Amino acid sequence: MAAPIGLQRVPFWPVFAVISAFKLLLIPTYRSTDFEVHRNWLALTHSLPISKWYFESTSEWTLDYPPFFAWFEFGLSQIAQFVDPAMLEVTNLNYASTQTIVFQRLSVIITDFLLAYAVKECCACIAKSNNKQEYEDLISQPAFVLAVLLLTNMGLLLVDHIHFQYNGFLFGLLLLSIARLFQGRNLEGGFWFAVLLNFKHIYIYVAPAYFMYLLRSYCFTQSHKDGSVMWTSFSITRLISLGLVVISVFALSFGPFIAMGEIAQVISRLFPFKRGLCHAYWAPNFWAFYNVADKAVTIIGVKADLLTVNTTQSQASMTGGLVQEFQHTTLPSVPPIATFVLTGLSILPAVIHLWRYPSGPRGFLRCLVLCAFGSFIFGWHVHEKAILLIIIPLSILSVWSYNDAQVFLLLSTVGHYSLFPLLYTQPETPIKVCMMLFFTIFSFCALQGLYQSPHPDAILPHLPLLNPLESLYILGLLPLYIYTDIIHDLLGLGERLSFFPLMLTSVYCALGVLYTWLVFYKRTLQRGAKIDHAKQS
């Protein structure tokens, strides 16, 4: 079958080759503790029987991913034993020989081929929807813009190829699942998402969108009457087929541990609620504001002689970069159940909207983004890297609508900036700044080429697709960076207020995250209002 017109001229694989070459240059860069995490997982899956995988605790970095990822590490270890057998010794803590570093770095780069394939499938869906259009140049093609946005995503490069993780191929599974839904291959889309959940359970955050979409748009049959879609009957056969696919994947993943009577131990590793409300680095979400409010009330209360607290202990527990439980000093401490309820309430309107107004895969994708938003903003122990779970799917929507492109530009800029504290070493500073500039400049220029600015008559200057106030907020990242990375230490505040730069970054970025969430939510719900109005007319 010939490729759609919009995809024939896209140099997809050359773009992937260039970015892969760039990843090779990042091999010697800084590595976080996640490098040792995955080295330890290589060792324990290789050296121990499966019955010991989720019990082993020689290292503090115990196995806490679902079984498919454990088997993935086991597969890598079969190759690693020929590279450097010492890396596979469980007692070799913090082992990092040159061979080990190169092997683990290359394993991330090579598994990104799955991401590349999934991006190609998503680009084909974009190209098909624009099949009748001709474009003057390459950069004006939505498929090409999407390919670059996904393959060169600054956050993925920073987190996977410097900080060190395997998010690339995991997002590949997510994008492949999304592409299959856009292609009408719903069972296959559900299958790949079930596989993804058994690699990394953080994606359970967006599971409500999959559940509702597949139930509404696959298990119910539809007919057309008077130009409108009518949902006429429920197919029990389709429900059973979908259930069998999902159950089979989970049975294959968790079945051995159920048979060994170890499922409770596996679950306790997957959901460790004793890790505290916030991660070592504050994610830019609602709880950043809550933590700051607690500090402010505490400081004011102490100075006004209304409170007597150990402020040093409070400061250390909340901003010392430790993964642990802590108690808020003045405001009520937040239990896991509270974050669960808030997260559920935040995504409920989106899920209900998807049920009431099934508008195909695009409606599903909007619901998925809102589910990711809700879990990031209100979730328990949210990693700052989870912002990518919003940015990556939103990239697809950005090449369809300038309203979504506006949200994407604002969120991707502030979201990627919020990852800067992950790389705090000086040699990586120019790398992360250049990566940020390249991706941000390309995003603004490419999306401006796809759409005319929604504010052509604005009196004040503004960035492409953004209004003046949004533009001012984005430009505010520059003085924020200058203060947190330069001025703060020059003023001699590094030791006395060591927490302040991180707190300032989290709170400033949280403003942008919450703003884009509200804007995107409003526009999504307005679509339903327009549909109701059209029906009444």
Protein backbone atom coordinates (compact mmCIF):
# COMPACT_ATOMS: atom_id res chain seq x y z
CA MET A 1 0.00 0.00 0.00
CA ALA A 2 1.37 3.41 -0.97
CA ALA A 3 2.16 5.87 1.81
CA PRO A 4 -0.22 8.82 2.22
CA ILE A 5 0.74 11.92 0.25
CA GLY A 6 1.57 13.81 3.43
CA LEU A 7 4.07 11.14 4.53
CA GLN A 8 5.89 10.43 1.28
CA ARG A 9 8.19 13.46 1.58
CA VAL A 10 8.93 13.17 5.30
CA PRO A 11 12.58 12.13 5.87
CA PHE A 12 11.58 10.15 8.94
CA TRP A 13 14.48 7.74 9.27
CA PRO A 14 17.16 10.38 8.57
CA VAL A 15 15.74 12.43 11.44
CA PHE A 16 15.89 9.37 13.68
CA ALA A 17 19.46 8.63 12.57
CA VAL A 18 20.61 12.16 13.40
CA ILE A 19 19.02 12.13 16.84
CA SER A 20 20.47 8.66 17.52
CA ALA A 21 23.93 9.96 16.67
CA PHE A 22 23.39 12.80 19.12
CA LYS A 23 22.42 10.28 21.81
CA LEU A 24 25.77 8.55 21.32
CA LEU A 25 27.51 11.82 22.18
CA LEU A 26 25.67 11.88 25.50
CA ILE A 27 27.11 8.55 26.70
CA PRO A 28 29.84 10.14 28.91
CA THR A 29 27.48 12.63 30.58
CA TYR A 30 26.19 12.68 34.16
CA ARG A 31 24.32 9.63 35.44
CA SER A 32 21.75 9.70 38.23
CA THR A 33 21.11 6.98 40.81
CA ASP A 34 18.68 5.48 38.28
CA PHE A 35 21.74 4.11 36.47
CA GLU A 36 22.57 2.02 39.56
CA VAL A 37 18.89 1.13 39.94
CA HIS A 38 18.82 -0.55 36.55
CA ARG A 39 22.27 -2.12 36.98
CA ASN A 40 20.99 -3.68 40.20
CA TRP A 41 17.89 -4.96 38.43
CA LEU A 42 20.08 -6.52 35.76
CA ALA A 43 22.03 -8.28 38.49
CA LEU A 44 19.14 -9.59 40.57
CA THR A 45 17.08 -10.87 37.63
CA HIS A 46 20.17 -12.62 36.24
CA SER A 47 21.57 -14.03 39.48
CA LEU A 48 18.45 -14.93 41.46
CA PRO A 49 15.47 -17.20 40.81
CA ILE A 50 12.20 -15.49 39.92
CA SER A 51 10.83 -16.26 43.38
CA LYS A 52 13.44 -13.89 44.89
CA TRP A 53 13.14 -10.94 42.49
CA TYR A 54 10.63 -8.94 44.51
CA PHE A 55 12.17 -9.91 47.88
CA GLU A 56 15.81 -9.01 47.20
CA SER A 57 16.91 -5.98 49.24
CA THR A 58 20.72 -5.98 49.27
CA SER A 59 20.54 -2.65 47.46
CA GLU A 60 18.19 0.11 48.56
CA TRP A 61 17.04 0.26 44.92
CA THR A 62 14.73 -2.73 45.07
CA LEU A 63 12.74 -3.96 42.06
CA ASP A 64 9.49 -1.94 41.97
CA TYR A 65 8.36 -2.21 38.33
CA PRO A 66 5.81 -4.76 37.02
CA PRO A 67 6.95 -8.22 35.88
CA PHE A 68 7.31 -7.46 32.16
CA PHE A 69 10.00 -4.90 32.97
CA ALA A 70 11.72 -7.44 35.20
CA TRP A 71 11.80 -9.87 32.27
CA PHE A 72 13.09 -7.04 30.08
CA GLU A 73 16.01 -6.59 32.50
CA PHE A 74 16.53 -10.36 32.51
CA GLY A 75 16.74 -10.34 28.71
CA LEU A 76 19.30 -7.53 28.75
CA SER A 77 21.33 -9.41 31.36
CA GLN A 78 21.75 -12.34 28.96
CA ILE A 79 23.72 -9.99 26.72
CA ALA A 80 25.39 -8.10 29.57
CA GLN A 81 27.11 -11.26 30.83
CA PHE A 82 29.30 -11.20 27.72
CA VAL A 83 30.16 -7.52 28.19
CA ASP A 84 31.14 -7.41 31.89
CA PRO A 85 30.00 -10.22 34.19
CA ALA A 86 30.87 -8.12 37.24
CA MET A 87 27.87 -5.85 36.62
CA LEU A 88 25.61 -8.83 37.26
CA GLU A 89 26.80 -9.45 40.82
CA VAL A 90 24.10 -8.40 43.29
CA THR A 91 26.67 -7.36 45.90
CA ASN A 92 28.56 -5.08 43.47
CA LEU A 93 26.74 -1.96 44.59
CA ASN A 94 27.35 1.25 42.60
CA TYR A 95 29.40 -0.68 40.06
CA ALA A 96 30.05 1.40 36.93
CA SER A 97 32.86 0.11 34.74
CA THR A 98 33.34 1.63 31.30
CA GLN A 99 31.84 -1.48 29.72
CA THR A 100 28.81 -1.26 32.01
CA ILE A 101 28.24 2.40 31.22
CA VAL A 102 28.47 1.88 27.47
CA PHE A 103 26.26 -1.22 27.58
CA GLN A 104 23.48 0.40 29.57
CA ARG A 105 23.59 3.61 27.55
CA LEU A 106 23.43 1.68 24.28
CA SER A 107 20.55 -0.43 25.55
CA VAL A 108 18.47 2.74 25.95
CA ILE A 109 19.44 4.00 22.48
CA ILE A 110 18.69 0.69 20.77
CA THR A 111 15.32 0.17 22.45
CA ASP A 112 14.33 3.61 21.15
CA PHE A 113 13.77 1.93 17.79
CA LEU A 114 10.35 0.96 19.16
CA LEU A 115 9.68 4.65 19.85
CA ALA A 116 10.74 5.46 16.29
CA TYR A 117 8.38 2.87 14.81
CA ALA A 118 5.49 4.10 16.95
CA VAL A 119 6.17 7.72 15.97
CA LYS A 120 6.14 6.68 12.31
CA GLU A 121 2.73 5.05 12.81
CA CYS A 122 1.37 8.19 14.49
CA CYS A 123 2.73 10.35 11.69
CA ALA A 124 0.99 8.10 9.16
CA CYS A 125 -2.31 8.79 10.96
CA ILE A 126 -1.66 12.54 10.75
CA ALA A 127 -0.70 12.31 7.11
CA LYS A 128 -3.82 10.30 6.27
CA SER A 129 -6.07 12.95 7.81
CA ASN A 130 -4.37 15.56 5.61
CA ASN A 131 -4.06 13.32 2.56
CA LYS A 132 -5.66 15.76 0.12
CA GLN A 133 -3.46 18.70 1.07
CA GLU A 134 -0.26 19.73 -0.64
CA TYR A 135 2.43 21.59 1.28
CA GLU A 136 4.85 24.19 0.00
CA ASP A 137 7.82 22.95 2.01
CA LEU A 138 8.78 20.20 4.42
CA ILE A 139 8.42 22.15 7.65
CA SER A 140 4.80 23.00 6.79
CA GLN A 141 3.83 19.31 6.84
CA PRO A 142 2.07 18.32 10.09
CA ALA A 143 3.53 14.79 9.86
CA PHE A 144 7.09 16.10 9.69
CA VAL A 145 6.51 18.56 12.55
CA LEU A 146 5.06 15.78 14.70
CA ALA A 147 7.98 13.46 13.89
CA VAL A 148 10.50 16.05 15.06
CA LEU A 149 8.47 17.00 18.15
CA LEU A 150 8.34 13.37 19.27
CA LEU A 151 11.77 12.12 18.24
CA THR A 152 13.67 15.15 19.55
CA ASN A 153 11.59 15.71 22.66
CA MET A 154 13.92 17.52 25.02
CA GLY A 155 12.46 15.87 28.12
CA LEU A 156 12.98 12.34 26.80
CA LEU A 157 16.56 13.11 25.79
CA LEU A 158 17.35 14.62 29.17
CA VAL A 159 15.66 11.95 31.29
CA ASP A 160 16.69 8.86 29.29
CA HIS A 161 20.06 9.66 27.77
CA ILE A 162 21.62 11.81 30.50
CA HIS A 163 19.73 11.21 33.76
CA PHE A 164 19.15 7.58 32.64
CA GLN A 165 15.89 5.70 32.26
CA TYR A 166 14.01 3.68 29.64
CA ASN A 167 11.05 5.97 28.97
CA GLY A 168 11.63 6.01 25.20
CA PHE A 169 10.46 2.51 24.39
CA LEU A 170 7.71 2.76 27.03
CA PHE A 171 6.32 5.86 25.32
CA GLY A 172 6.75 3.91 22.10
CA LEU A 173 4.26 1.37 23.42
CA LEU A 174 1.87 4.17 24.40
CA LEU A 175 2.12 5.87 21.00
CA LEU A 176 1.73 2.55 19.20
CA SER A 177 -1.42 1.89 21.19
CA ILE A 178 -2.76 5.35 20.33
CA ALA A 179 -1.92 4.87 16.65
CA ARG A 180 -3.80 1.58 16.55
CA LEU A 181 -6.90 3.26 17.99
CA PHE A 182 -6.68 5.96 15.33
CA GLN A 183 -6.43 3.19 12.73
CA GLY A 184 -9.58 1.55 14.06
CA ARG A 185 -7.67 -1.47 15.38
CA ASN A 186 -9.18 -1.18 18.84
CA LEU A 187 -8.38 -4.65 20.15
CA GLU A 188 -4.74 -4.22 19.21
CA GLY A 189 -4.70 -0.78 20.81
CA GLY A 190 -6.05 -2.25 24.04
CA PHE A 191 -3.49 -5.06 23.84
CA TRP A 192 -0.51 -2.72 23.59
CA PHE A 193 -1.77 -0.60 26.44
CA ALA A 194 -2.18 -3.69 28.63
CA VAL A 195 1.40 -4.65 27.75
CA LEU A 196 2.54 -1.15 28.66
CA LEU A 197 0.85 -1.32 32.07
CA ASN A 198 2.80 -4.48 32.80
CA PHE A 199 6.06 -2.74 31.95
CA LYS A 200 5.47 0.40 34.04
CA HIS A 201 2.40 0.92 36.16
CA ILE A 202 2.58 4.72 36.15
CA TYR A 203 0.53 4.55 32.95
CA ILE A 204 -2.44 3.41 35.01
CA TYR A 205 -3.07 7.15 35.37
CA VAL A 206 -4.46 7.25 31.82
CA ALA A 207 -6.25 3.89 32.02
CA PRO A 208 -9.69 5.53 32.65
CA ALA A 209 -9.49 7.12 29.18
CA TYR A 210 -8.81 3.72 27.58
CA PHE A 211 -11.55 2.01 29.58
CA MET A 212 -14.19 4.56 28.71
CA TYR A 213 -13.23 4.90 25.04
CA LEU A 214 -13.07 1.16 24.34
CA LEU A 215 -16.30 0.55 26.24
CA ARG A 216 -18.15 3.36 24.46
CA SER A 217 -16.69 3.18 20.98
CA TYR A 218 -15.87 -0.51 20.63
CA CYS A 219 -18.29 -2.46 22.80
CA PHE A 220 -21.25 -0.39 21.57
CA THR A 221 -22.12 -0.70 17.89
CA GLN A 222 -23.07 2.42 16.00
CA SER A 223 -25.28 3.33 13.09
CA HIS A 224 -25.89 6.56 11.19
CA LYS A 225 -29.26 8.26 10.96
CA ASP A 226 -29.99 11.66 9.45
CA GLY A 227 -26.30 12.48 9.37
CA SER A 228 -25.80 11.80 13.09
CA VAL A 229 -24.17 8.87 14.88
CA MET A 230 -26.56 6.64 16.81
CA TRP A 231 -25.25 4.19 19.43
CA THR A 232 -27.73 1.38 19.10
CA SER A 233 -26.67 -1.81 20.84
CA PHE A 234 -24.12 -3.27 23.21
CA SER A 235 -21.95 -6.11 21.91
CA ILE A 236 -21.23 -8.67 24.59
CA THR A 237 -18.98 -10.48 22.12
CA ARG A 238 -16.74 -7.46 21.77
CA LEU A 239 -16.64 -6.96 25.53
CA ILE A 240 -15.59 -10.57 26.05
CA SER A 241 -12.95 -10.29 23.32
CA LEU A 242 -11.53 -7.15 24.86
CA GLY A 243 -11.61 -8.67 28.33
CA LEU A 244 -9.82 -11.81 27.18
CA VAL A 245 -7.06 -9.75 25.57
CA VAL A 246 -6.44 -7.69 28.69
CA ILE A 247 -6.78 -10.60 31.14
CA SER A 248 -4.40 -12.74 29.06
CA VAL A 249 -1.70 -10.08 29.21
CA PHE A 250 -2.04 -9.66 32.97
CA ALA A 251 -2.18 -13.42 33.50
CA LEU A 252 1.05 -13.84 31.57
CA SER A 253 2.67 -11.08 33.61
CA PHE A 254 1.46 -11.81 37.14
CA GLY A 255 0.49 -15.46 36.79
CA PRO A 256 3.82 -16.93 37.98
CA PHE A 257 3.78 -14.77 41.11
CA ILE A 258 0.18 -15.69 41.87
CA ALA A 259 1.11 -19.36 41.51
CA MET A 260 4.01 -18.89 43.95
CA GLY A 261 1.79 -17.03 46.43
CA GLU A 262 3.91 -13.89 46.13
CA ILE A 263 1.41 -11.48 44.58
CA ALA A 264 1.05 -9.50 47.83
CA GLN A 265 4.80 -8.87 47.93
CA VAL A 266 4.80 -7.73 44.29
CA ILE A 267 1.92 -5.33 44.91
CA SER A 268 3.64 -3.89 47.99
CA ARG A 269 6.70 -3.11 45.86
CA LEU A 270 4.64 -1.55 43.07
CA PHE A 271 2.72 0.80 45.38
CA PRO A 272 5.07 1.96 48.18
CA PHE A 273 2.95 4.61 49.91
CA LYS A 274 5.64 5.27 52.52
CA ARG A 275 7.63 7.32 50.03
CA GLY A 276 5.85 10.52 50.94
CA LEU A 277 3.60 13.08 49.30
CA CYS A 278 6.33 14.70 47.20
CA HIS A 279 9.29 13.28 45.35
CA ALA A 280 12.88 14.29 46.15
CA TYR A 281 12.44 17.16 43.71
CA TRP A 282 9.09 18.89 43.95
CA ALA A 283 6.99 18.31 40.88
CA PRO A 284 5.36 21.55 39.66
CA ASN A 285 1.86 20.67 40.79
CA PHE A 286 -0.79 21.61 43.34
CA TRP A 287 1.24 20.20 46.24
CA ALA A 288 4.07 22.62 45.53
CA PHE A 289 1.66 25.43 46.44
CA TYR A 290 0.47 23.48 49.47
CA ASN A 291 4.02 22.97 50.74
CA VAL A 292 4.86 26.64 50.25
CA ALA A 293 1.67 27.66 52.04
CA ASP A 294 2.63 25.42 54.95
CA LYS A 295 6.08 27.02 55.13
CA ALA A 296 4.68 30.54 54.88
CA VAL A 297 2.09 29.97 57.61
CA THR A 298 4.76 28.39 59.81
CA ILE A 299 7.22 31.27 59.38
CA ILE A 300 4.54 33.89 59.98
CA GLY A 301 3.24 31.99 63.00
CA VAL A 302 6.70 31.68 64.56
CA LYS A 303 7.54 35.36 64.03
CA ALA A 304 4.20 36.37 65.51
CA ASP A 305 4.82 34.06 68.52
CA LEU A 306 1.74 32.08 67.62
CA LEU A 307 3.64 28.85 66.92
CA THR A 308 6.59 27.07 68.44
CA VAL A 309 8.03 24.56 66.01
CA ASN A 310 11.35 23.14 64.97
CA THR A 311 11.55 24.94 61.63
CA THR A 312 14.97 23.46 60.83
CA GLN A 313 13.61 19.94 61.01
CA SER A 314 10.57 20.92 58.95
CA GLN A 315 12.75 22.51 56.30
CA ALA A 316 15.04 19.53 56.03
CA SER A 317 12.25 17.00 55.74
CA MET A 318 10.44 18.84 52.97
CA THR A 319 13.27 20.23 50.89
CA GLY A 320 16.31 18.14 51.64
CA GLY A 321 15.94 16.05 48.48
CA LEU A 322 15.10 12.89 50.40
CA VAL A 323 12.52 10.29 49.42
CA GLN A 324 10.62 9.80 52.67
CA GLU A 325 7.45 10.58 54.58
CA PHE A 326 7.15 13.95 56.24
CA GLN A 327 4.56 15.80 58.23
CA HIS A 328 3.45 19.30 57.36
CA THR A 329 4.21 21.71 60.16
CA THR A 330 1.04 23.80 60.28
CA LEU A 331 -1.40 22.68 57.58
CA PRO A 332 -2.92 19.20 57.80
CA SER A 333 -0.63 16.49 56.45
CA VAL A 334 -1.99 14.88 53.30
CA PRO A 335 -2.70 11.11 53.34
CA PRO A 336 -2.55 9.00 50.14
CA ILE A 337 -6.34 8.57 50.10
CA ALA A 338 -6.81 12.34 49.83
CA THR A 339 -4.64 12.51 46.70
CA PHE A 340 -6.51 9.53 45.26
CA VAL A 341 -9.87 11.23 45.77
CA LEU A 342 -8.68 14.55 44.35
CA THR A 343 -7.17 12.83 41.33
CA GLY A 344 -10.41 10.92 40.72
CA LEU A 345 -12.51 14.06 41.00
CA SER A 346 -10.17 15.95 38.64
CA ILE A 347 -10.51 13.42 35.83
CA LEU A 348 -14.19 12.53 36.35
CA PRO A 349 -15.61 15.34 34.14
CA ALA A 350 -13.26 14.35 31.31
CA VAL A 351 -14.26 10.68 31.48
CA ILE A 352 -17.98 11.53 31.64
CA HIS A 353 -17.51 13.90 28.70
CA LEU A 354 -15.90 11.11 26.67
CA TRP A 355 -18.93 8.91 27.38
CA ARG A 356 -21.49 11.58 26.51
CA TYR A 357 -19.73 12.90 23.40
CA PRO A 358 -17.79 10.07 21.76
CA SER A 359 -15.92 11.97 19.08
CA GLY A 360 -13.53 9.31 17.90
CA PRO A 361 -9.84 8.91 18.70
CA ARG A 362 -9.27 12.66 19.03
CA GLY A 363 -11.80 12.83 21.84
CA PHE A 364 -10.08 9.84 23.46
CA LEU A 365 -6.71 11.56 23.18
CA ARG A 366 -8.04 14.70 24.83
CA CYS A 367 -9.40 12.60 27.70
CA LEU A 368 -6.06 10.80 28.00
CA VAL A 369 -4.23 14.12 28.30
CA LEU A 370 -6.68 15.31 30.97
CA CYS A 371 -6.23 12.09 32.94
CA ALA A 372 -2.46 12.61 32.81
CA PHE A 373 -2.95 16.22 33.90
CA GLY A 374 -5.13 15.25 36.88
CA SER A 375 -2.77 12.57 38.16
CA PHE A 376 0.24 14.88 37.79
CA ILE A 377 -1.38 17.80 39.57
CA PHE A 378 -3.01 15.94 42.46
CA GLY A 379 -1.26 12.55 42.63
CA TRP A 380 0.78 11.00 45.46
CA HIS A 381 4.59 11.13 45.24
CA VAL A 382 4.53 12.48 41.68
CA HIS A 383 7.87 12.43 39.86
CA GLU A 384 8.70 15.62 38.00
CA LYS A 385 9.45 13.39 34.97
CA ALA A 386 5.73 12.47 34.83
CA ILE A 387 5.13 15.77 33.01
CA LEU A 388 6.16 13.88 29.87
CA LEU A 389 3.02 11.77 30.18
CA ILE A 390 1.12 14.95 29.32
CA ILE A 391 3.52 16.53 26.83
CA ILE A 392 4.05 13.49 24.57
CA PRO A 393 0.35 12.80 23.74
CA LEU A 394 -0.35 16.54 23.57
CA SER A 395 2.26 16.75 20.79
CA ILE A 396 -0.14 14.85 18.52
CA LEU A 397 -3.00 17.23 19.18
CA SER A 398 -0.74 20.24 18.62
CA VAL A 399 -0.51 19.58 14.87
CA TRP A 400 -4.31 19.44 14.49
CA SER A 401 -5.50 22.60 16.21
CA TYR A 402 -3.87 25.94 16.98
CA ASN A 403 -5.71 26.02 20.32
CA ASP A 404 -4.05 22.77 21.27
CA ALA A 405 -0.77 24.02 19.80
CA GLN A 406 -1.00 27.04 22.09
CA VAL A 407 -1.43 24.80 25.14
CA PHE A 408 1.40 22.56 23.95
CA LEU A 409 3.85 25.42 23.48
CA LEU A 410 3.16 26.79 26.93
CA LEU A 411 3.16 23.45 28.72
CA SER A 412 6.15 21.91 26.93
CA THR A 413 8.28 24.99 27.57
CA VAL A 414 7.52 25.25 31.28
CA GLY A 415 7.34 21.47 31.75
CA HIS A 416 10.73 20.85 30.19
CA TYR A 417 12.23 23.71 32.17
CA SER A 418 10.95 22.10 35.38
CA LEU A 419 13.25 19.15 34.62
CA PHE A 420 16.37 21.33 34.86
CA PRO A 421 16.98 20.54 38.57
CA LEU A 422 17.47 16.89 37.61
CA LEU A 423 20.78 17.88 35.98
CA TYR A 424 22.51 20.01 38.58
CA THR A 425 26.12 19.31 37.52
CA GLN A 426 28.01 22.10 35.77
CA PRO A 427 29.27 20.13 32.70
CA GLU A 428 25.66 19.34 31.75
CA THR A 429 24.44 22.94 32.10
CA PRO A 430 25.26 24.05 28.52
CA ILE A 431 23.87 20.77 27.17
CA LYS A 432 20.46 21.11 28.83
CA VAL A 433 20.22 24.80 27.95
CA CYS A 434 21.05 24.17 24.28
CA MET A 435 18.63 21.24 24.11
CA MET A 436 15.91 23.39 25.64
CA LEU A 437 16.56 26.24 23.21
CA PHE A 438 16.61 23.99 20.14
CA PHE A 439 13.39 22.18 20.98
CA THR A 440 11.54 25.31 22.09
CA ILE A 441 12.59 27.41 19.09
CA PHE A 442 11.71 24.61 16.67
CA SER A 443 8.32 24.10 18.37
CA PHE A 444 7.38 27.77 18.15
CA CYS A 445 8.63 28.20 14.55
CA ALA A 446 7.15 24.95 13.22
CA LEU A 447 3.74 25.38 14.81
CA GLN A 448 3.64 29.02 13.75
CA GLY A 449 4.16 27.73 10.22
CA LEU A 450 1.13 25.46 10.55
CA TYR A 451 -1.21 28.15 11.90
CA GLN A 452 -1.67 31.86 11.87
CA SER A 453 -1.34 33.47 15.27
CA PRO A 454 -4.68 33.52 17.15
CA HIS A 455 -3.83 37.05 18.33
CA PRO A 456 -2.88 38.90 15.10
CA ASP A 457 -4.28 42.22 16.33
CA ALA A 458 -2.66 42.19 19.78
CA ILE A 459 -1.21 45.59 20.65
CA LEU A 460 1.50 44.22 22.93
CA PRO A 461 4.30 42.04 21.53
CA HIS A 462 3.88 38.31 22.04
CA LEU A 463 5.38 34.96 21.13
CA PRO A 464 3.86 32.96 18.24
CA LEU A 465 0.42 31.53 19.09
CA LEU A 466 0.54 32.90 22.66
CA ASN A 467 -1.12 36.02 24.02
CA PRO A 468 0.98 38.79 25.61
CA LEU A 469 0.43 37.59 29.19
CA GLU A 470 1.37 34.00 28.32
CA SER A 471 4.41 35.29 26.46
CA LEU A 472 5.49 37.34 29.48
CA TYR A 473 5.18 34.25 31.67
CA ILE A 474 7.39 32.21 29.33
CA LEU A 475 9.99 34.98 29.12
CA GLY A 476 9.97 35.02 32.94
CA LEU A 477 11.81 31.69 32.84
CA LEU A 478 14.97 33.59 31.86
CA PRO A 479 15.26 35.74 35.04
CA LEU A 480 14.17 32.70 37.05
CA TYR A 481 17.08 30.71 35.62
CA ILE A 482 19.55 33.55 36.16
CA TYR A 483 18.56 33.86 39.81
CA THR A 484 18.39 30.14 40.71
CA ASP A 485 21.62 29.17 38.91
CA ILE A 486 23.77 32.28 39.35
CA ILE A 487 22.55 35.05 41.63
CA HIS A 488 21.41 32.86 44.54
CA ASP A 489 24.92 31.52 45.16
CA LEU A 490 26.56 34.88 44.46
CA LEU A 491 24.48 36.34 47.29
CA GLY A 492 25.87 33.69 49.63
CA LEU A 493 22.46 32.08 50.20
CA GLY A 494 23.47 28.60 49.05
CA GLU A 495 23.74 27.04 52.51
CA ARG A 496 21.24 29.09 54.50
CA LEU A 497 18.45 28.87 51.89
CA SER A 498 19.52 25.85 49.89
CA PHE A 499 15.92 24.84 49.28
CA PHE A 500 14.81 28.18 47.83
CA PRO A 501 15.88 27.81 44.14
CA LEU A 502 14.13 24.45 43.84
CA MET A 503 11.03 25.72 45.60
CA LEU A 504 10.94 28.82 43.39
CA THR A 505 11.30 26.72 40.23
CA SER A 506 8.56 24.29 41.29
CA VAL A 507 6.08 27.00 42.21
CA TYR A 508 6.72 29.15 39.13
CA CYS A 509 6.38 26.16 36.81
CA ALA A 510 3.30 24.95 38.69
CA LEU A 511 1.55 28.19 37.73
CA GLY A 512 2.00 27.32 34.05
CA VAL A 513 0.96 23.69 34.51
CA LEU A 514 -2.26 24.57 36.35
CA TYR A 515 -3.07 27.34 33.86
CA THR A 516 -2.69 25.06 30.82
CA TRP A 517 -4.74 22.37 32.57
CA LEU A 518 -7.64 24.75 33.15
CA VAL A 519 -7.47 26.15 29.60
CA PHE A 520 -7.33 22.69 28.01
CA TYR A 521 -10.13 21.41 30.24
CA LYS A 522 -12.36 24.38 29.41
CA ARG A 523 -11.87 23.95 25.67
CA THR A 524 -12.56 20.21 25.90
CA LEU A 525 -15.83 20.66 27.79
CA GLN A 526 -16.87 23.49 25.46
CA ARG A 527 -16.82 21.02 22.59
CA GLY A 528 -19.63 19.13 24.31
CA ALA A 529 -21.63 22.33 24.76
CA LYS A 530 -21.28 23.08 21.04
CA ILE A 531 -22.53 19.58 20.18
CA ASP A 532 -25.60 20.04 22.42
CA HIS A 533 -26.27 23.43 20.86
CA ALA A 534 -26.03 21.98 17.36
CA LYS A 535 -28.51 19.22 18.25
CA GLN A 536 -30.99 21.71 19.67
CA SER A 537 -30.70 23.87 16.57
